[in-house]
Amino acid sequence: KAESERDKYLLQAYTLEPENKDEASPTFVAVGLTGTGKSEMCYWMTGDLASCNPSGSMQSNTSQVQVVKAYPFNDPKMGERFRWIDTPGRGDTRGEGNDTSM
């Protein structure tokens, strides 16, 4: 069951269409267990606290796939923008029903 859910999220991330097909951005997808730092890494890489919303704990925080388009480390001098896709973690601390609903 967990593998099919993971595959669903990976397929969703893989099939996202670039906003401008002539200039497809590099894309990073964060996938893993709840509390492993996916949203924290999103914030660190993009500087976008509102979109990444790290919890700072081992508790579940991300419940929807978030797509953040940003410059590396929020610095336009670093070059081209990229997409960071933050996914909900597996092993949701709010109960097995939350894993099933995702």
PDB file of N, CA and C in Angstrom:
ATOM      1  N   LYS A   1       0.832  -1.198   0.000  1.00  0.00           N
ATOM      2  CA  LYS A   1       0.000   0.000   0.000  1.00  0.00           C
ATOM      3  C   LYS A   1       0.872   1.256   0.000  1.00  0.00           C
ATOM      4  N   ALA A   2       1.896   1.273   0.857  1.00  0.00           N
ATOM      5  CA  ALA A   2       2.763   2.452   0.948  1.00  0.00           C
ATOM      6  C   ALA A   2       3.483   2.704  -0.380  1.00  0.00           C
ATOM      7  N   GLU A   3       3.895   1.623  -1.044  1.00  0.00           N
ATOM      8  CA  GLU A   3       4.580   1.784  -2.323  1.00  0.00           C
ATOM      9  C   GLU A   3       3.675   2.389  -3.380  1.00  0.00           C
ATOM     10  N   SER A   4       2.402   2.001  -3.399  1.00  0.00           N
ATOM     11  CA  SER A   4       1.489   2.564  -4.396  1.00  0.00           C
ATOM     12  C   SER A   4       1.238   4.042  -4.121  1.00  0.00           C
ATOM     13  N   GLU A   5       1.161   4.425  -2.836  1.00  0.00           N
ATOM     14  CA  GLU A   5       0.998   5.839  -2.488  1.00  0.00           C
ATOM     15  C   GLU A   5       2.230   6.628  -2.905  1.00  0.00           C
ATOM     16  N   ARG A   6       3.406   6.094  -2.611  1.00  0.00           N
ATOM     17  CA  ARG A   6       4.655   6.743  -3.009  1.00  0.00           C
ATOM     18  C   ARG A   6       4.696   6.918  -4.520  1.00  0.00           C
ATOM     19  N   ASP A   7       4.349   5.867  -5.237  1.00  0.00           N
ATOM     20  CA  ASP A   7       4.369   5.925  -6.692  1.00  0.00           C
ATOM     21  C   ASP A   7       3.397   6.972  -7.221  1.00  0.00           C
ATOM     22  N   LYS A   8       2.246   7.121  -6.557  1.00  0.00           N
ATOM     23  CA  LYS A   8       1.264   8.127  -6.963  1.00  0.00           C
ATOM     24  C   LYS A   8       1.865   9.527  -6.840  1.00  0.00           C
ATOM     25  N   TYR A   9       2.543   9.798  -5.723  1.00  0.00           N
ATOM     26  CA  TYR A   9       3.143  11.120  -5.526  1.00  0.00           C
ATOM     27  C   TYR A   9       4.286  11.374  -6.504  1.00  0.00           C
ATOM     28  N   LEU A  10       5.095  10.354  -6.747  1.00  0.00           N
ATOM     29  CA  LEU A  10       6.182  10.515  -7.710  1.00  0.00           C
ATOM     30  C   LEU A  10       5.645  10.773  -9.106  1.00  0.00           C
ATOM     31  N   LEU A  11       4.579  10.069  -9.490  1.00  0.00           N
ATOM     32  CA  LEU A  11       3.970  10.291 -10.797  1.00  0.00           C
ATOM     33  C   LEU A  11       3.392  11.697 -10.894  1.00  0.00           C
ATOM     34  N   GLN A  12       2.742  12.149  -9.814  1.00  0.00           N
ATOM     35  CA  GLN A  12       2.187  13.507  -9.798  1.00  0.00           C
ATOM     36  C   GLN A  12       3.303  14.537  -9.988  1.00  0.00           C
ATOM     37  N   ALA A  13       4.422  14.360  -9.299  1.00  0.00           N
ATOM     38  CA  ALA A  13       5.543  15.293  -9.431  1.00  0.00           C
ATOM     39  C   ALA A  13       6.155  15.208 -10.826  1.00  0.00           C
ATOM     40  N   TYR A  14       6.280  13.993 -11.360  1.00  0.00           N
ATOM     41  CA  TYR A  14       6.909  13.783 -12.661  1.00  0.00           C
ATOM     42  C   TYR A  14       6.093  14.388 -13.798  1.00  0.00           C
ATOM     43  N   THR A  15       4.773  14.371 -13.668  1.00  0.00           N
ATOM     44  CA  THR A  15       3.922  14.836 -14.762  1.00  0.00           C
ATOM     45  C   THR A  15       3.565  16.312 -14.677  1.00  0.00           C
ATOM     46  N   LEU A  16       4.076  17.036 -13.671  1.00  0.00           N
ATOM     47  CA  LEU A  16       3.836  18.481 -13.620  1.00  0.00           C
ATOM     48  C   LEU A  16       4.432  19.129 -14.861  1.00  0.00           C
ATOM     49  N   GLU A  17       3.658  19.953 -15.508  1.00  0.00           N
ATOM     50  CA  GLU A  17       4.120  20.639 -16.704  1.00  0.00           C
ATOM     51  C   GLU A  17       4.847  21.927 -16.320  1.00  0.00           C
ATOM     52  N   PRO A  18       5.990  22.217 -16.956  1.00  0.00           N
ATOM     53  CA  PRO A  18       6.652  23.488 -16.690  1.00  0.00           C
ATOM     54  C   PRO A  18       5.782  24.647 -17.141  1.00  0.00           C
ATOM     55  N   GLU A  19       5.879  25.778 -16.433  1.00  0.00           N
ATOM     56  CA  GLU A  19       5.084  26.951 -16.788  1.00  0.00           C
ATOM     57  C   GLU A  19       5.454  27.458 -18.182  1.00  0.00           C
ATOM     58  N   ASN A  20       6.726  27.421 -18.510  1.00  0.00           N
ATOM     59  CA  ASN A  20       7.213  27.844 -19.810  1.00  0.00           C
ATOM     60  C   ASN A  20       7.997  26.668 -20.388  1.00  0.00           C
ATOM     61  N   LYS A  21       7.412  25.965 -21.337  1.00  0.00           N
ATOM     62  CA  LYS A  21       8.032  24.747 -21.861  1.00  0.00           C
ATOM     63  C   LYS A  21       9.365  25.008 -22.540  1.00  0.00           C
ATOM     64  N   ASP A  22       9.621  26.262 -22.978  1.00  0.00           N
ATOM     65  CA  ASP A  22      10.891  26.578 -23.615  1.00  0.00           C
ATOM     66  C   ASP A  22      12.026  26.659 -22.598  1.00  0.00           C
ATOM     67  N   GLU A  23      11.687  26.922 -21.338  1.00  0.00           N
ATOM     68  CA  GLU A  23      12.695  27.065 -20.303  1.00  0.00           C
ATOM     69  C   GLU A  23      12.325  26.201 -19.096  1.00  0.00           C
ATOM     70  N   ALA A  24      12.397  24.915 -19.243  1.00  0.00           N
ATOM     71  CA  ALA A  24      12.073  24.018 -18.132  1.00  0.00           C
ATOM     72  C   ALA A  24      13.122  24.178 -17.032  1.00  0.00           C
ATOM     73  N   SER A  25      12.666  24.345 -15.818  1.00  0.00           N
ATOM     74  CA  SER A  25      13.562  24.539 -14.670  1.00  0.00           C
ATOM     75  C   SER A  25      14.020  23.205 -14.120  1.00  0.00           C
ATOM     76  N   PRO A  26      15.214  23.188 -13.522  1.00  0.00           N
ATOM     77  CA  PRO A  26      15.587  21.982 -12.777  1.00  0.00           C
ATOM     78  C   PRO A  26      14.559  21.762 -11.668  1.00  0.00           C
ATOM     79  N   THR A  27      14.255  20.519 -11.388  1.00  0.00           N
ATOM     80  CA  THR A  27      13.242  20.197 -10.388  1.00  0.00           C
ATOM     81  C   THR A  27      13.806  19.209  -9.380  1.00  0.00           C
ATOM     82  N   PHE A  28      13.554  19.483  -8.096  1.00  0.00           N
ATOM     83  CA  PHE A  28      13.949  18.604  -7.005  1.00  0.00           C
ATOM     84  C   PHE A  28      12.683  18.129  -6.319  1.00  0.00           C
ATOM     85  N   VAL A  29      12.596  16.839  -6.037  1.00  0.00           N
ATOM     86  CA  VAL A  29      11.433  16.270  -5.359  1.00  0.00           C
ATOM     87  C   VAL A  29      11.892  15.678  -4.030  1.00  0.00           C
ATOM     88  N   ALA A  30      11.276  16.135  -2.937  1.00  0.00           N
ATOM     89  CA  ALA A  30      11.608  15.623  -1.605  1.00  0.00           C
ATOM     90  C   ALA A  30      10.583  14.561  -1.223  1.00  0.00           C
ATOM     91  N   VAL A  31      11.059  13.330  -1.033  1.00  0.00           N
ATOM     92  CA  VAL A  31      10.200  12.203  -0.675  1.00  0.00           C
ATOM     93  C   VAL A  31      10.840  11.488   0.513  1.00  0.00           C
ATOM     94  N   GLY A  32      10.031  11.128   1.514  1.00  0.00           N
ATOM     95  CA  GLY A  32      10.576  10.392   2.650  1.00  0.00           C
ATOM     96  C   GLY A  32       9.578  10.259   3.774  1.00  0.00           C
ATOM     97  N   LEU A  33      10.050   9.734   4.880  1.00  0.00           N
ATOM     98  CA  LEU A  33       9.216   9.542   6.050  1.00  0.00           C
ATOM     99  C   LEU A  33       8.923  10.873   6.741  1.00  0.00           C
ATOM    100  N   THR A  34       7.847  10.907   7.515  1.00  0.00           N
ATOM    101  CA  THR A  34       7.503  12.078   8.307  1.00  0.00           C
ATOM    102  C   THR A  34       8.644  12.393   9.274  1.00  0.00           C
ATOM    103  N   GLY A  35       8.986  13.692   9.378  1.00  0.00           N
ATOM    104  CA  GLY A  35       9.980  14.137  10.351  1.00  0.00           C
ATOM    105  C   GLY A  35      11.418  14.023   9.915  1.00  0.00           C
ATOM    106  N   THR A  36      11.662  13.725   8.634  1.00  0.00           N
ATOM    107  CA  THR A  36      13.040  13.563   8.176  1.00  0.00           C
ATOM    108  C   THR A  36      13.647  14.848   7.617  1.00  0.00           C
ATOM    109  N   GLY A  37      12.875  15.949   7.597  1.00  0.00           N
ATOM    110  CA  GLY A  37      13.437  17.238   7.200  1.00  0.00           C
ATOM    111  C   GLY A  37      13.174  17.667   5.774  1.00  0.00           C
ATOM    112  N   LYS A  38      12.174  17.099   5.108  1.00  0.00           N
ATOM    113  CA  LYS A  38      11.879  17.492   3.724  1.00  0.00           C
ATOM    114  C   LYS A  38      11.491  18.964   3.629  1.00  0.00           C
ATOM    115  N   SER A  39      10.605  19.430   4.499  1.00  0.00           N
ATOM    116  CA  SER A  39      10.165  20.828   4.465  1.00  0.00           C
ATOM    117  C   SER A  39      11.273  21.764   4.939  1.00  0.00           C
ATOM    118  N   GLU A  40      12.068  21.314   5.886  1.00  0.00           N
ATOM    119  CA  GLU A  40      13.209  22.126   6.349  1.00  0.00           C
ATOM    120  C   GLU A  40      14.211  22.315   5.218  1.00  0.00           C
ATOM    121  N   MET A  41      14.479  21.249   4.462  1.00  0.00           N
ATOM    122  CA  MET A  41      15.385  21.343   3.317  1.00  0.00           C
ATOM    123  C   MET A  41      14.800  22.263   2.253  1.00  0.00           C
ATOM    124  N   CYS A  42      13.480  22.185   2.049  1.00  0.00           N
ATOM    125  CA  CYS A  42      12.802  23.087   1.108  1.00  0.00           C
ATOM    126  C   CYS A  42      13.065  24.536   1.501  1.00  0.00           C
ATOM    127  N   TYR A  43      12.864  24.845   2.774  1.00  0.00           N
ATOM    128  CA  TYR A  43      13.087  26.208   3.264  1.00  0.00           C
ATOM    129  C   TYR A  43      14.551  26.610   3.105  1.00  0.00           C
ATOM    130  N   TRP A  44      15.457  25.719   3.437  1.00  0.00           N
ATOM    131  CA  TRP A  44      16.891  26.003   3.343  1.00  0.00           C
ATOM    132  C   TRP A  44      17.296  26.279   1.894  1.00  0.00           C
ATOM    133  N   MET A  45      16.764  25.485   0.962  1.00  0.00           N
ATOM    134  CA  MET A  45      17.133  25.635  -0.451  1.00  0.00           C
ATOM    135  C   MET A  45      16.476  26.837  -1.125  1.00  0.00           C
ATOM    136  N   THR A  46      15.276  27.216  -0.671  1.00  0.00           N
ATOM    137  CA  THR A  46      14.520  28.267  -1.364  1.00  0.00           C
ATOM    138  C   THR A  46      14.398  29.563  -0.582  1.00  0.00           C
ATOM    139  N   GLY A  47      14.498  29.499   0.732  1.00  0.00           N
ATOM    140  CA  GLY A  47      14.284  30.684   1.561  1.00  0.00           C
ATOM    141  C   GLY A  47      12.824  31.075   1.688  1.00  0.00           C
ATOM    142  N   ASP A  48      11.910  30.211   1.255  1.00  0.00           N
ATOM    143  CA  ASP A  48      10.477  30.521   1.261  1.00  0.00           C
ATOM    144  C   ASP A  48       9.801  29.829   2.447  1.00  0.00           C
ATOM    145  N   LEU A  49       9.798  30.508   3.586  1.00  0.00           N
ATOM    146  CA  LEU A  49       9.247  29.929   4.808  1.00  0.00           C
ATOM    147  C   LEU A  49       7.748  29.666   4.698  1.00  0.00           C
ATOM    148  N   ALA A  50       7.017  30.592   4.068  1.00  0.00           N
ATOM    149  CA  ALA A  50       5.555  30.450   3.969  1.00  0.00           C
ATOM    150  C   ALA A  50       5.157  29.223   3.146  1.00  0.00           C
ATOM    151  N   SER A  51       5.839  28.971   2.051  1.00  0.00           N
ATOM    152  CA  SER A  51       5.477  27.831   1.194  1.00  0.00           C
ATOM    153  C   SER A  51       5.993  26.510   1.744  1.00  0.00           C
ATOM    154  N   CYS A  52       7.180  26.514   2.306  1.00  0.00           N
ATOM    155  CA  CYS A  52       7.780  25.265   2.784  1.00  0.00           C
ATOM    156  C   CYS A  52       7.249  24.867   4.148  1.00  0.00           C
ATOM    157  N   ASN A  53       7.061  25.825   5.048  1.00  0.00           N
ATOM    158  CA  ASN A  53       6.415  25.630   6.342  1.00  0.00           C
ATOM    159  C   ASN A  53       6.977  24.452   7.146  1.00  0.00           C
ATOM    160  N   PRO A  54       8.286  24.464   7.463  1.00  0.00           N
ATOM    161  CA  PRO A  54       8.825  23.367   8.273  1.00  0.00           C
ATOM    162  C   PRO A  54       8.264  23.398   9.687  1.00  0.00           C
ATOM    163  N   SER A  55       8.076  22.235  10.279  1.00  0.00           N
ATOM    164  CA  SER A  55       7.484  22.166  11.619  1.00  0.00           C
ATOM    165  C   SER A  55       8.529  22.308  12.712  1.00  0.00           C
ATOM    166  N   GLY A  56       9.777  21.960  12.426  1.00  0.00           N
ATOM    167  CA  GLY A  56      10.806  22.005  13.451  1.00  0.00           C
ATOM    168  C   GLY A  56      10.657  20.898  14.472  1.00  0.00           C
ATOM    169  N   SER A  57       9.906  19.856  14.134  1.00  0.00           N
ATOM    170  CA  SER A  57       9.710  18.741  15.059  1.00  0.00           C
ATOM    171  C   SER A  57       9.535  17.462  14.254  1.00  0.00           C
ATOM    172  N   MET A  58       9.292  16.389  14.959  1.00  0.00           N
ATOM    173  CA  MET A  58       9.053  15.101  14.303  1.00  0.00           C
ATOM    174  C   MET A  58       7.563  14.897  14.032  1.00  0.00           C
ATOM    175  N   GLN A  59       6.750  15.947  14.218  1.00  0.00           N
ATOM    176  CA  GLN A  59       5.310  15.857  13.999  1.00  0.00           C
ATOM    177  C   GLN A  59       4.974  16.164  12.539  1.00  0.00           C
ATOM    178  N   SER A  60       3.928  15.541  12.021  1.00  0.00           N
ATOM    179  CA  SER A  60       3.472  15.775  10.654  1.00  0.00           C
ATOM    180  C   SER A  60       3.047  17.230  10.491  1.00  0.00           C
ATOM    181  N   ASN A  61       3.431  17.820   9.364  1.00  0.00           N
ATOM    182  CA  ASN A  61       3.080  19.209   9.104  1.00  0.00           C
ATOM    183  C   ASN A  61       2.592  19.404   7.673  1.00  0.00           C
ATOM    184  N   THR A  62       3.221  18.765   6.709  1.00  0.00           N
ATOM    185  CA  THR A  62       2.864  18.913   5.301  1.00  0.00           C
ATOM    186  C   THR A  62       1.793  17.887   4.942  1.00  0.00           C
ATOM    187  N   SER A  63       0.633  18.355   4.453  1.00  0.00           N
ATOM    188  CA  SER A  63      -0.424  17.410   4.092  1.00  0.00           C
ATOM    189  C   SER A  63      -0.779  17.480   2.610  1.00  0.00           C
ATOM    190  N   GLN A  64      -0.203  18.430   1.884  1.00  0.00           N
ATOM    191  CA  GLN A  64      -0.420  18.554   0.444  1.00  0.00           C
ATOM    192  C   GLN A  64       0.935  18.732  -0.240  1.00  0.00           C
ATOM    193  N   VAL A  65       1.011  18.325  -1.503  1.00  0.00           N
ATOM    194  CA  VAL A  65       2.224  18.568  -2.275  1.00  0.00           C
ATOM    195  C   VAL A  65       2.366  20.076  -2.480  1.00  0.00           C
ATOM    196  N   GLN A  66       3.542  20.607  -2.163  1.00  0.00           N
ATOM    197  CA  GLN A  66       3.829  22.032  -2.347  1.00  0.00           C
ATOM    198  C   GLN A  66       4.867  22.173  -3.449  1.00  0.00           C
ATOM    199  N   VAL A  67       4.614  23.045  -4.421  1.00  0.00           N
ATOM    200  CA  VAL A  67       5.581  23.331  -5.471  1.00  0.00           C
ATOM    201  C   VAL A  67       6.073  24.751  -5.258  1.00  0.00           C
ATOM    202  N   VAL A  68       7.381  24.889  -5.043  1.00  0.00           N
ATOM    203  CA  VAL A  68       7.984  26.191  -4.782  1.00  0.00           C
ATOM    204  C   VAL A  68       8.958  26.492  -5.912  1.00  0.00           C
ATOM    205  N   LYS A  69       8.786  27.629  -6.555  1.00  0.00           N
ATOM    206  CA  LYS A  69       9.706  28.048  -7.605  1.00  0.00           C
ATOM    207  C   LYS A  69      10.554  29.176  -7.033  1.00  0.00           C
ATOM    208  N   ALA A  70      11.863  29.006  -7.046  1.00  0.00           N
ATOM    209  CA  ALA A  70      12.730  29.978  -6.374  1.00  0.00           C
ATOM    210  C   ALA A  70      14.133  29.954  -6.950  1.00  0.00           C
ATOM    211  N   TYR A  71      14.903  30.961  -6.562  1.00  0.00           N
ATOM    212  CA  TYR A  71      16.337  30.955  -6.839  1.00  0.00           C
ATOM    213  C   TYR A  71      17.005  30.117  -5.751  1.00  0.00           C
ATOM    214  N   PRO A  72      18.121  29.473  -6.065  1.00  0.00           N
ATOM    215  CA  PRO A  72      18.818  28.729  -5.020  1.00  0.00           C
ATOM    216  C   PRO A  72      19.144  29.642  -3.832  1.00  0.00           C
ATOM    217  N   PHE A  73      18.794  29.206  -2.657  1.00  0.00           N
ATOM    218  CA  PHE A  73      19.029  29.946  -1.416  1.00  0.00           C
ATOM    219  C   PHE A  73      18.415  31.345  -1.455  1.00  0.00           C
ATOM    220  N   ASN A  74      17.369  31.522  -2.274  1.00  0.00           N
ATOM    221  CA  ASN A  74      16.665  32.798  -2.418  1.00  0.00           C
ATOM    222  C   ASN A  74      17.601  33.914  -2.866  1.00  0.00           C
ATOM    223  N   ASP A  75      18.594  33.585  -3.679  1.00  0.00           N
ATOM    224  CA  ASP A  75      19.597  34.553  -4.133  1.00  0.00           C
ATOM    225  C   ASP A  75      19.611  34.601  -5.658  1.00  0.00           C
ATOM    226  N   PRO A  76      19.067  35.679  -6.265  1.00  0.00           N
ATOM    227  CA  PRO A  76      19.035  35.772  -7.730  1.00  0.00           C
ATOM    228  C   PRO A  76      20.411  35.692  -8.380  1.00  0.00           C
ATOM    229  N   LYS A  77      21.466  36.004  -7.645  1.00  0.00           N
ATOM    230  CA  LYS A  77      22.823  35.937  -8.205  1.00  0.00           C
ATOM    231  C   LYS A  77      23.289  34.498  -8.396  1.00  0.00           C
ATOM    232  N   MET A  78      22.546  33.545  -7.823  1.00  0.00           N
ATOM    233  CA  MET A  78      22.945  32.140  -7.907  1.00  0.00           C
ATOM    234  C   MET A  78      22.586  31.503  -9.248  1.00  0.00           C
ATOM    235  N   GLY A  79      21.921  32.221 -10.113  1.00  0.00           N
ATOM    236  CA  GLY A  79      21.609  31.658 -11.415  1.00  0.00           C
ATOM    237  C   GLY A  79      20.132  31.418 -11.623  1.00  0.00           C
ATOM    238  N   GLU A  80      19.823  30.378 -12.395  1.00  0.00           N
ATOM    239  CA  GLU A  80      18.431  30.160 -12.787  1.00  0.00           C
ATOM    240  C   GLU A  80      17.568  29.638 -11.649  1.00  0.00           C
ATOM    241  N   ARG A  81      16.286  29.915 -11.775  1.00  0.00           N
ATOM    242  CA  ARG A  81      15.318  29.447 -10.788  1.00  0.00           C
ATOM    243  C   ARG A  81      15.105  27.943 -10.945  1.00  0.00           C
ATOM    244  N   PHE A  82      14.669  27.309  -9.905  1.00  0.00           N
ATOM    245  CA  PHE A  82      14.375  25.878  -9.932  1.00  0.00           C
ATOM    246  C   PHE A  82      13.048  25.637  -9.235  1.00  0.00           C
ATOM    247  N   ARG A  83      12.539  24.426  -9.362  1.00  0.00           N
ATOM    248  CA  ARG A  83      11.312  24.021  -8.658  1.00  0.00           C
ATOM    249  C   ARG A  83      11.683  23.034  -7.571  1.00  0.00           C
ATOM    250  N   TRP A  84      11.142  23.268  -6.387  1.00  0.00           N
ATOM    251  CA  TRP A  84      11.287  22.341  -5.275  1.00  0.00           C
ATOM    252  C   TRP A  84       9.895  21.784  -4.997  1.00  0.00           C
ATOM    253  N   ILE A  85       9.752  20.480  -5.014  1.00  0.00           N
ATOM    254  CA  ILE A  85       8.459  19.852  -4.749  1.00  0.00           C
ATOM    255  C   ILE A  85       8.562  19.143  -3.404  1.00  0.00           C
ATOM    256  N   ASP A  86       7.807  19.663  -2.443  1.00  0.00           N
ATOM    257  CA  ASP A  86       7.790  19.128  -1.084  1.00  0.00           C
ATOM    258  C   ASP A  86       6.556  18.240  -0.948  1.00  0.00           C
ATOM    259  N   THR A  87       6.758  16.994  -0.572  1.00  0.00           N
ATOM    260  CA  THR A  87       5.653  16.040  -0.490  1.00  0.00           C
ATOM    261  C   THR A  87       5.343  15.689   0.964  1.00  0.00           C
ATOM    262  N   PRO A  88       4.115  15.256   1.249  1.00  0.00           N
ATOM    263  CA  PRO A  88       3.799  14.787   2.601  1.00  0.00           C
ATOM    264  C   PRO A  88       4.642  13.558   2.938  1.00  0.00           C
ATOM    265  N   GLY A  89       4.985  13.429   4.204  1.00  0.00           N
ATOM    266  CA  GLY A  89       5.777  12.279   4.628  1.00  0.00           C
ATOM    267  C   GLY A  89       4.926  11.040   4.825  1.00  0.00           C
ATOM    268  N   ARG A  90       5.565   9.911   4.764  1.00  0.00           N
ATOM    269  CA  ARG A  90       4.916   8.644   5.083  1.00  0.00           C
ATOM    270  C   ARG A  90       5.087   8.399   6.571  1.00  0.00           C
ATOM    271  N   GLY A  91       4.155   7.671   7.165  1.00  0.00           N
ATOM    272  CA  GLY A  91       4.203   7.421   8.597  1.00  0.00           C
ATOM    273  C   GLY A  91       3.681   8.628   9.355  1.00  0.00           C
ATOM    274  N   ASP A  92       2.566   9.170   8.904  1.00  0.00           N
ATOM    275  CA  ASP A  92       1.975  10.389   9.469  1.00  0.00           C
ATOM    276  C   ASP A  92       1.745  10.232  10.966  1.00  0.00           C
ATOM    277  N   THR A  93       2.198  11.199  11.759  1.00  0.00           N
ATOM    278  CA  THR A  93       2.059  11.123  13.208  1.00  0.00           C
ATOM    279  C   THR A  93       0.635  11.402  13.675  1.00  0.00           C
ATOM    280  N   ARG A  94      -0.252  11.818  12.766  1.00  0.00           N
ATOM    281  CA  ARG A  94      -1.648  12.071  13.138  1.00  0.00           C
ATOM    282  C   ARG A  94      -2.494  10.807  13.010  1.00  0.00           C
ATOM    283  N   GLY A  95      -1.872   9.700  12.674  1.00  0.00           N
ATOM    284  CA  GLY A  95      -2.589   8.426  12.602  1.00  0.00           C
ATOM    285  C   GLY A  95      -2.549   7.815  11.224  1.00  0.00           C
ATOM    286  N   GLU A  96      -2.743   6.508  11.173  1.00  0.00           N
ATOM    287  CA  GLU A  96      -2.682   5.760   9.912  1.00  0.00           C
ATOM    288  C   GLU A  96      -3.733   6.243   8.922  1.00  0.00           C
ATOM    289  N   GLY A  97      -4.861   6.730   9.422  1.00  0.00           N
ATOM    290  CA  GLY A  97      -5.911   7.227   8.535  1.00  0.00           C
ATOM    291  C   GLY A  97      -5.446   8.378   7.672  1.00  0.00           C
ATOM    292  N   ASN A  98      -4.530   9.199   8.166  1.00  0.00           N
ATOM    293  CA  ASN A  98      -3.996  10.307   7.368  1.00  0.00           C
ATOM    294  C   ASN A  98      -3.102   9.794   6.245  1.00  0.00           C
ATOM    295  N   ASP A  99      -2.323   8.741   6.499  1.00  0.00           N
ATOM    296  CA  ASP A  99      -1.539   8.140   5.419  1.00  0.00           C
ATOM    297  C   ASP A  99      -2.461   7.589   4.347  1.00  0.00           C
ATOM    298  N   THR A 100      -3.527   6.935   4.765  1.00  0.00           N
ATOM    299  CA  THR A 100      -4.460   6.323   3.825  1.00  0.00           C
ATOM    300  C   THR A 100      -5.163   7.388   2.976  1.00  0.00           C
ATOM    301  N   SER A 101      -5.509   8.522   3.595  1.00  0.00           N
ATOM    302  CA  SER A 101      -6.235   9.564   2.851  1.00  0.00           C
ATOM    303  C   SER A 101      -5.356  10.277   1.844  1.00  0.00           C
ATOM    304  N   MET A 102      -4.027  10.217   2.034  1.00  0.00           N
ATOM    305  CA  MET A 102      -3.139  10.872   1.084  1.00  0.00           C
ATOM    306  C   MET A 102      -2.969   9.952  -0.076  1.00  0.00           C
TER     307      MET A 102
END
